[in-house]
N, C-alpha and C. Protein backbone atom coordinates (compact mmCIF):
# COMPACT_ATOMS: atom_id res chain seq x y z
N ALA A 1 -49.03 42.22 16.66
CA ALA A 1 -48.19 42.37 15.48
C ALA A 1 -48.24 43.80 15.02
N SER A 2 -47.14 44.27 14.55
CA SER A 2 -47.10 45.64 14.05
C SER A 2 -47.76 45.67 12.67
N ASP A 3 -48.05 46.88 12.18
CA ASP A 3 -48.64 47.00 10.86
C ASP A 3 -47.74 46.41 9.80
N GLY A 4 -46.42 46.57 9.99
CA GLY A 4 -45.46 46.01 9.04
C GLY A 4 -45.56 44.50 8.96
N GLU A 5 -45.67 43.85 10.12
CA GLU A 5 -45.79 42.39 10.14
C GLU A 5 -47.07 41.95 9.46
N GLN A 6 -48.18 42.66 9.74
CA GLN A 6 -49.45 42.28 9.15
C GLN A 6 -49.41 42.45 7.64
N SER A 7 -48.84 43.54 7.15
CA SER A 7 -48.83 43.75 5.71
C SER A 7 -47.94 42.73 5.02
N ILE A 8 -46.84 42.34 5.66
CA ILE A 8 -45.99 41.31 5.06
C ILE A 8 -46.76 40.01 4.99
N THR A 9 -47.45 39.65 6.06
CA THR A 9 -48.22 38.43 6.06
C THR A 9 -49.32 38.50 5.01
N LYS A 10 -50.00 39.63 4.90
CA LYS A 10 -51.08 39.79 3.92
C LYS A 10 -50.49 39.64 2.51
N GLN A 11 -49.36 40.27 2.26
CA GLN A 11 -48.72 40.15 0.94
C GLN A 11 -48.31 38.71 0.69
N THR A 12 -47.78 38.04 1.70
CA THR A 12 -47.36 36.66 1.54
C THR A 12 -48.56 35.78 1.27
N LEU A 13 -49.65 36.00 2.00
CA LEU A 13 -50.87 35.24 1.77
C LEU A 13 -51.38 35.46 0.35
N GLU A 14 -51.46 36.72 -0.06
CA GLU A 14 -51.95 37.03 -1.40
C GLU A 14 -51.05 36.44 -2.47
N GLY A 15 -49.74 36.52 -2.26
CA GLY A 15 -48.80 35.95 -3.23
C GLY A 15 -48.92 34.44 -3.34
N THR A 16 -49.07 33.79 -2.19
CA THR A 16 -49.21 32.33 -2.18
C THR A 16 -50.50 31.92 -2.88
N ILE A 17 -51.57 32.62 -2.58
CA ILE A 17 -52.86 32.33 -3.22
C ILE A 17 -52.74 32.52 -4.73
N ALA A 18 -52.11 33.59 -5.17
CA ALA A 18 -51.97 33.85 -6.61
C ALA A 18 -51.18 32.74 -7.31
N VAL A 19 -50.10 32.29 -6.68
CA VAL A 19 -49.29 31.22 -7.25
C VAL A 19 -50.10 29.93 -7.34
N LEU A 20 -50.81 29.59 -6.27
CA LEU A 20 -51.59 28.36 -6.26
C LEU A 20 -52.74 28.41 -7.27
N GLU A 21 -53.38 29.57 -7.38
CA GLU A 21 -54.48 29.70 -8.34
C GLU A 21 -53.98 29.60 -9.78
N ALA A 22 -52.72 29.97 -10.00
CA ALA A 22 -52.15 29.90 -11.35
C ALA A 22 -51.94 28.46 -11.79
N GLY A 23 -51.93 27.56 -10.85
CA GLY A 23 -51.79 26.14 -11.19
C GLY A 23 -50.69 25.49 -10.40
N ALA A 24 -51.05 24.96 -9.26
CA ALA A 24 -50.06 24.39 -8.34
C ALA A 24 -49.24 23.28 -8.96
N THR A 25 -49.85 22.49 -9.84
CA THR A 25 -49.12 21.36 -10.42
C THR A 25 -48.12 21.79 -11.49
N THR A 26 -48.20 23.03 -11.93
CA THR A 26 -47.27 23.50 -12.96
C THR A 26 -46.10 24.29 -12.38
N ILE A 27 -46.10 24.46 -11.07
CA ILE A 27 -45.05 25.24 -10.40
C ILE A 27 -43.83 24.36 -10.21
N PRO A 28 -42.65 24.83 -10.63
CA PRO A 28 -41.43 24.04 -10.39
C PRO A 28 -41.24 23.78 -8.90
N ILE A 29 -40.77 22.58 -8.59
CA ILE A 29 -40.62 22.17 -7.19
C ILE A 29 -39.69 23.10 -6.42
N VAL A 30 -38.68 23.66 -7.08
CA VAL A 30 -37.78 24.58 -6.37
C VAL A 30 -38.53 25.83 -5.92
N VAL A 31 -39.50 26.27 -6.72
CA VAL A 31 -40.31 27.44 -6.33
C VAL A 31 -41.21 27.08 -5.16
N VAL A 32 -41.84 25.91 -5.23
CA VAL A 32 -42.70 25.46 -4.14
C VAL A 32 -41.91 25.36 -2.85
N ARG A 33 -40.72 24.75 -2.93
CA ARG A 33 -39.88 24.64 -1.73
C ARG A 33 -39.56 26.01 -1.15
N ALA A 34 -39.24 26.97 -2.03
CA ALA A 34 -38.89 28.31 -1.56
C ALA A 34 -40.08 28.97 -0.86
N ILE A 35 -41.27 28.80 -1.43
CA ILE A 35 -42.48 29.37 -0.82
C ILE A 35 -42.73 28.72 0.54
N VAL A 36 -42.67 27.40 0.58
CA VAL A 36 -42.94 26.67 1.82
C VAL A 36 -41.90 27.02 2.88
N ASN A 37 -40.64 27.05 2.51
CA ASN A 37 -39.58 27.40 3.47
C ASN A 37 -39.74 28.84 3.96
N GLY A 38 -40.20 29.72 3.09
CA GLY A 38 -40.46 31.10 3.51
C GLY A 38 -41.56 31.19 4.54
N TRP A 39 -42.61 30.37 4.34
CA TRP A 39 -43.68 30.31 5.33
C TRP A 39 -43.18 29.76 6.66
N ILE A 40 -42.38 28.71 6.59
CA ILE A 40 -41.85 28.13 7.83
C ILE A 40 -41.05 29.17 8.61
N GLU A 41 -40.19 29.90 7.91
CA GLU A 41 -39.38 30.94 8.57
C GLU A 41 -40.26 32.04 9.16
N GLN A 42 -41.21 32.51 8.37
CA GLN A 42 -42.05 33.61 8.82
C GLN A 42 -42.90 33.21 10.03
N LEU A 43 -43.50 32.03 9.98
CA LEU A 43 -44.34 31.60 11.08
C LEU A 43 -43.53 31.25 12.32
N SER A 44 -42.37 30.64 12.13
CA SER A 44 -41.51 30.29 13.28
C SER A 44 -41.04 31.54 14.00
N ALA A 45 -40.79 32.61 13.26
CA ALA A 45 -40.30 33.85 13.86
C ALA A 45 -41.33 34.48 14.78
N ARG A 46 -42.58 34.15 14.60
CA ARG A 46 -43.64 34.72 15.44
C ARG A 46 -43.70 34.08 16.82
N GLU A 47 -43.10 32.90 16.98
CA GLU A 47 -43.06 32.20 18.27
C GLU A 47 -44.45 32.11 18.91
N ASP A 48 -45.43 31.73 18.09
CA ASP A 48 -46.80 31.62 18.55
C ASP A 48 -47.18 30.13 18.57
N PRO A 49 -47.46 29.57 19.77
CA PRO A 49 -47.80 28.15 19.85
C PRO A 49 -48.98 27.73 18.96
N ALA A 50 -49.88 28.66 18.70
CA ALA A 50 -51.03 28.34 17.85
C ALA A 50 -50.61 28.01 16.41
N LEU A 51 -49.41 28.45 16.03
CA LEU A 51 -48.94 28.20 14.67
C LEU A 51 -48.19 26.88 14.54
N THR A 52 -47.93 26.20 15.67
CA THR A 52 -47.15 24.96 15.64
C THR A 52 -47.72 23.91 14.68
N PRO A 53 -49.04 23.64 14.68
CA PRO A 53 -49.55 22.64 13.74
C PRO A 53 -49.31 23.01 12.28
N THR A 54 -49.40 24.29 11.97
CA THR A 54 -49.16 24.73 10.60
C THR A 54 -47.68 24.58 10.24
N ILE A 55 -46.81 24.95 11.15
CA ILE A 55 -45.37 24.81 10.90
C ILE A 55 -45.03 23.34 10.70
N GLU A 56 -45.59 22.47 11.54
CA GLU A 56 -45.34 21.03 11.39
C GLU A 56 -45.86 20.51 10.05
N GLY A 57 -47.03 21.01 9.64
CA GLY A 57 -47.59 20.60 8.36
C GLY A 57 -46.72 21.03 7.19
N LEU A 58 -46.19 22.23 7.27
CA LEU A 58 -45.28 22.73 6.23
C LEU A 58 -44.00 21.89 6.21
N THR A 59 -43.50 21.54 7.38
CA THR A 59 -42.30 20.72 7.47
C THR A 59 -42.54 19.33 6.86
N HIS A 60 -43.71 18.75 7.13
CA HIS A 60 -44.07 17.46 6.53
C HIS A 60 -44.13 17.56 5.01
N LEU A 61 -44.62 18.70 4.52
CA LEU A 61 -44.71 18.90 3.07
C LEU A 61 -43.32 18.95 2.44
N VAL A 62 -42.40 19.67 3.07
CA VAL A 62 -41.02 19.72 2.59
C VAL A 62 -40.40 18.33 2.60
N ASP A 63 -40.63 17.59 3.68
CA ASP A 63 -40.10 16.21 3.77
C ASP A 63 -40.64 15.36 2.64
N ALA A 64 -41.94 15.49 2.36
CA ALA A 64 -42.55 14.70 1.27
C ALA A 64 -41.94 15.07 -0.07
N PHE A 65 -41.71 16.36 -0.29
CA PHE A 65 -41.05 16.79 -1.53
C PHE A 65 -39.67 16.18 -1.64
N ASN A 66 -38.92 16.27 -0.54
CA ASN A 66 -37.54 15.77 -0.54
C ASN A 66 -37.48 14.27 -0.77
N GLU A 67 -38.50 13.56 -0.31
CA GLU A 67 -38.53 12.10 -0.47
C GLU A 67 -39.19 11.68 -1.78
N GLY A 68 -39.75 12.66 -2.52
CA GLY A 68 -40.43 12.34 -3.76
C GLY A 68 -41.68 11.49 -3.55
N ASP A 69 -42.39 11.75 -2.47
CA ASP A 69 -43.56 10.95 -2.10
C ASP A 69 -44.85 11.74 -2.34
N PRO A 70 -45.50 11.54 -3.50
CA PRO A 70 -46.69 12.32 -3.80
C PRO A 70 -47.86 12.08 -2.85
N GLU A 71 -48.00 10.86 -2.35
CA GLU A 71 -49.09 10.57 -1.41
C GLU A 71 -48.89 11.33 -0.10
N ALA A 72 -47.65 11.36 0.39
CA ALA A 72 -47.35 12.10 1.62
C ALA A 72 -47.54 13.60 1.38
N ALA A 73 -47.18 14.08 0.19
CA ALA A 73 -47.36 15.49 -0.13
C ALA A 73 -48.84 15.85 -0.14
N THR A 74 -49.67 15.00 -0.74
CA THR A 74 -51.11 15.24 -0.78
C THR A 74 -51.68 15.27 0.64
N ALA A 75 -51.24 14.31 1.48
CA ALA A 75 -51.70 14.27 2.86
C ALA A 75 -51.28 15.53 3.62
N ALA A 76 -50.06 15.99 3.36
CA ALA A 76 -49.56 17.20 4.03
C ALA A 76 -50.34 18.43 3.59
N VAL A 77 -50.68 18.50 2.30
CA VAL A 77 -51.47 19.63 1.80
C VAL A 77 -52.86 19.62 2.43
N LEU A 78 -53.46 18.46 2.53
CA LEU A 78 -54.78 18.37 3.16
C LEU A 78 -54.71 18.79 4.63
N ARG A 79 -53.67 18.34 5.32
CA ARG A 79 -53.50 18.74 6.73
C ARG A 79 -53.31 20.25 6.83
N LEU A 80 -52.54 20.83 5.90
CA LEU A 80 -52.34 22.28 5.90
C LEU A 80 -53.65 23.02 5.66
N SER A 81 -54.49 22.46 4.80
CA SER A 81 -55.79 23.05 4.57
C SER A 81 -56.58 23.12 5.86
N GLU A 82 -56.55 22.03 6.61
CA GLU A 82 -57.29 21.96 7.87
C GLU A 82 -56.72 22.92 8.91
N THR A 83 -55.39 22.97 9.04
CA THR A 83 -54.80 23.87 10.05
C THR A 83 -54.97 25.33 9.64
N THR A 84 -54.97 25.60 8.33
CA THR A 84 -55.18 26.98 7.87
C THR A 84 -56.62 27.40 8.15
N ALA A 85 -57.57 26.49 7.94
CA ALA A 85 -58.96 26.80 8.26
C ALA A 85 -59.12 27.05 9.76
N ASP A 86 -58.43 26.26 10.58
CA ASP A 86 -58.47 26.47 12.03
C ASP A 86 -57.91 27.83 12.41
N LEU A 87 -56.80 28.22 11.75
CA LEU A 87 -56.22 29.53 12.02
C LEU A 87 -57.20 30.64 11.68
N ALA A 88 -57.91 30.48 10.56
CA ALA A 88 -58.90 31.49 10.16
C ALA A 88 -60.00 31.60 11.21
N ASP A 89 -60.41 30.46 11.75
CA ASP A 89 -61.47 30.46 12.76
C ASP A 89 -61.01 31.06 14.08
N ASP A 90 -59.72 30.92 14.38
CA ASP A 90 -59.20 31.34 15.68
C ASP A 90 -58.51 32.70 15.69
N THR A 91 -58.26 33.29 14.53
CA THR A 91 -57.46 34.51 14.49
C THR A 91 -58.26 35.74 14.95
N ASP A 92 -57.54 36.68 15.53
CA ASP A 92 -58.11 37.98 15.87
C ASP A 92 -57.76 39.01 14.80
N ASP A 93 -57.03 38.56 13.80
CA ASP A 93 -56.52 39.46 12.75
C ASP A 93 -57.55 39.53 11.61
N ASP A 94 -58.48 40.48 11.71
CA ASP A 94 -59.54 40.62 10.72
C ASP A 94 -59.00 40.79 9.30
N THR A 95 -57.81 41.36 9.17
CA THR A 95 -57.22 41.60 7.86
C THR A 95 -57.04 40.32 7.08
N ASN A 96 -56.68 39.24 7.76
CA ASN A 96 -56.30 38.03 7.06
C ASN A 96 -57.31 36.88 7.12
N ILE A 97 -58.43 37.06 7.81
CA ILE A 97 -59.39 35.96 7.94
C ILE A 97 -59.84 35.44 6.57
N ASP A 98 -60.26 36.34 5.70
CA ASP A 98 -60.75 35.91 4.39
C ASP A 98 -59.64 35.28 3.56
N LEU A 99 -58.43 35.82 3.66
CA LEU A 99 -57.30 35.25 2.91
C LEU A 99 -56.96 33.86 3.43
N LEU A 100 -57.00 33.67 4.75
CA LEU A 100 -56.73 32.36 5.31
C LEU A 100 -57.79 31.35 4.87
N ARG A 101 -59.04 31.77 4.87
CA ARG A 101 -60.11 30.87 4.41
C ARG A 101 -59.94 30.53 2.94
N GLN A 102 -59.60 31.53 2.13
CA GLN A 102 -59.38 31.29 0.70
C GLN A 102 -58.22 30.32 0.50
N LEU A 103 -57.13 30.51 1.24
CA LEU A 103 -55.98 29.63 1.12
C LEU A 103 -56.36 28.20 1.55
N ALA A 104 -57.13 28.07 2.61
CA ALA A 104 -57.56 26.73 3.07
C ALA A 104 -58.37 26.03 1.98
N GLU A 105 -59.26 26.78 1.32
CA GLU A 105 -60.08 26.18 0.25
C GLU A 105 -59.22 25.73 -0.92
N ILE A 106 -58.25 26.56 -1.30
CA ILE A 106 -57.37 26.23 -2.44
C ILE A 106 -56.55 24.99 -2.10
N LEU A 107 -56.02 24.93 -0.88
CA LEU A 107 -55.24 23.76 -0.46
C LEU A 107 -56.09 22.50 -0.48
N ALA A 108 -57.34 22.61 -0.03
CA ALA A 108 -58.23 21.44 -0.05
C ALA A 108 -58.48 20.99 -1.51
N GLU A 109 -58.64 21.94 -2.40
CA GLU A 109 -58.84 21.60 -3.81
C GLU A 109 -57.62 20.88 -4.38
N ILE A 110 -56.43 21.39 -4.04
CA ILE A 110 -55.20 20.78 -4.52
C ILE A 110 -55.07 19.35 -4.00
N ALA A 111 -55.51 19.14 -2.76
CA ALA A 111 -55.42 17.81 -2.15
C ALA A 111 -56.53 16.88 -2.66
N GLY A 112 -57.42 17.43 -3.47
CA GLY A 112 -58.48 16.61 -4.05
C GLY A 112 -59.70 16.45 -3.18
N GLU A 113 -59.87 17.34 -2.22
CA GLU A 113 -61.03 17.25 -1.33
C GLU A 113 -62.16 18.12 -1.84
């Protein structure tokens, strides 16, 4: 990845973490959808098979939002926490390891784990 791609990802990670720390349950659903769809686009553009579980998890989350299914949304957030933790463990990108771990922890907290 070029430095530009890494900095965009770092900014996106930091922005997502900041929004979630501000209170995930108080965020309007349209904002959450925009964030999640942005992640889907960004990760899909990388064409990296290692990101497939995360992309699928994000897609499940959007589906749960669209169906108004809070249990499915919670399950999708927990799955995202797990795949994000796996990405942190597997990444060669030292810049984002701590951010990925932080995001995984926040997602687990949101899912009630």
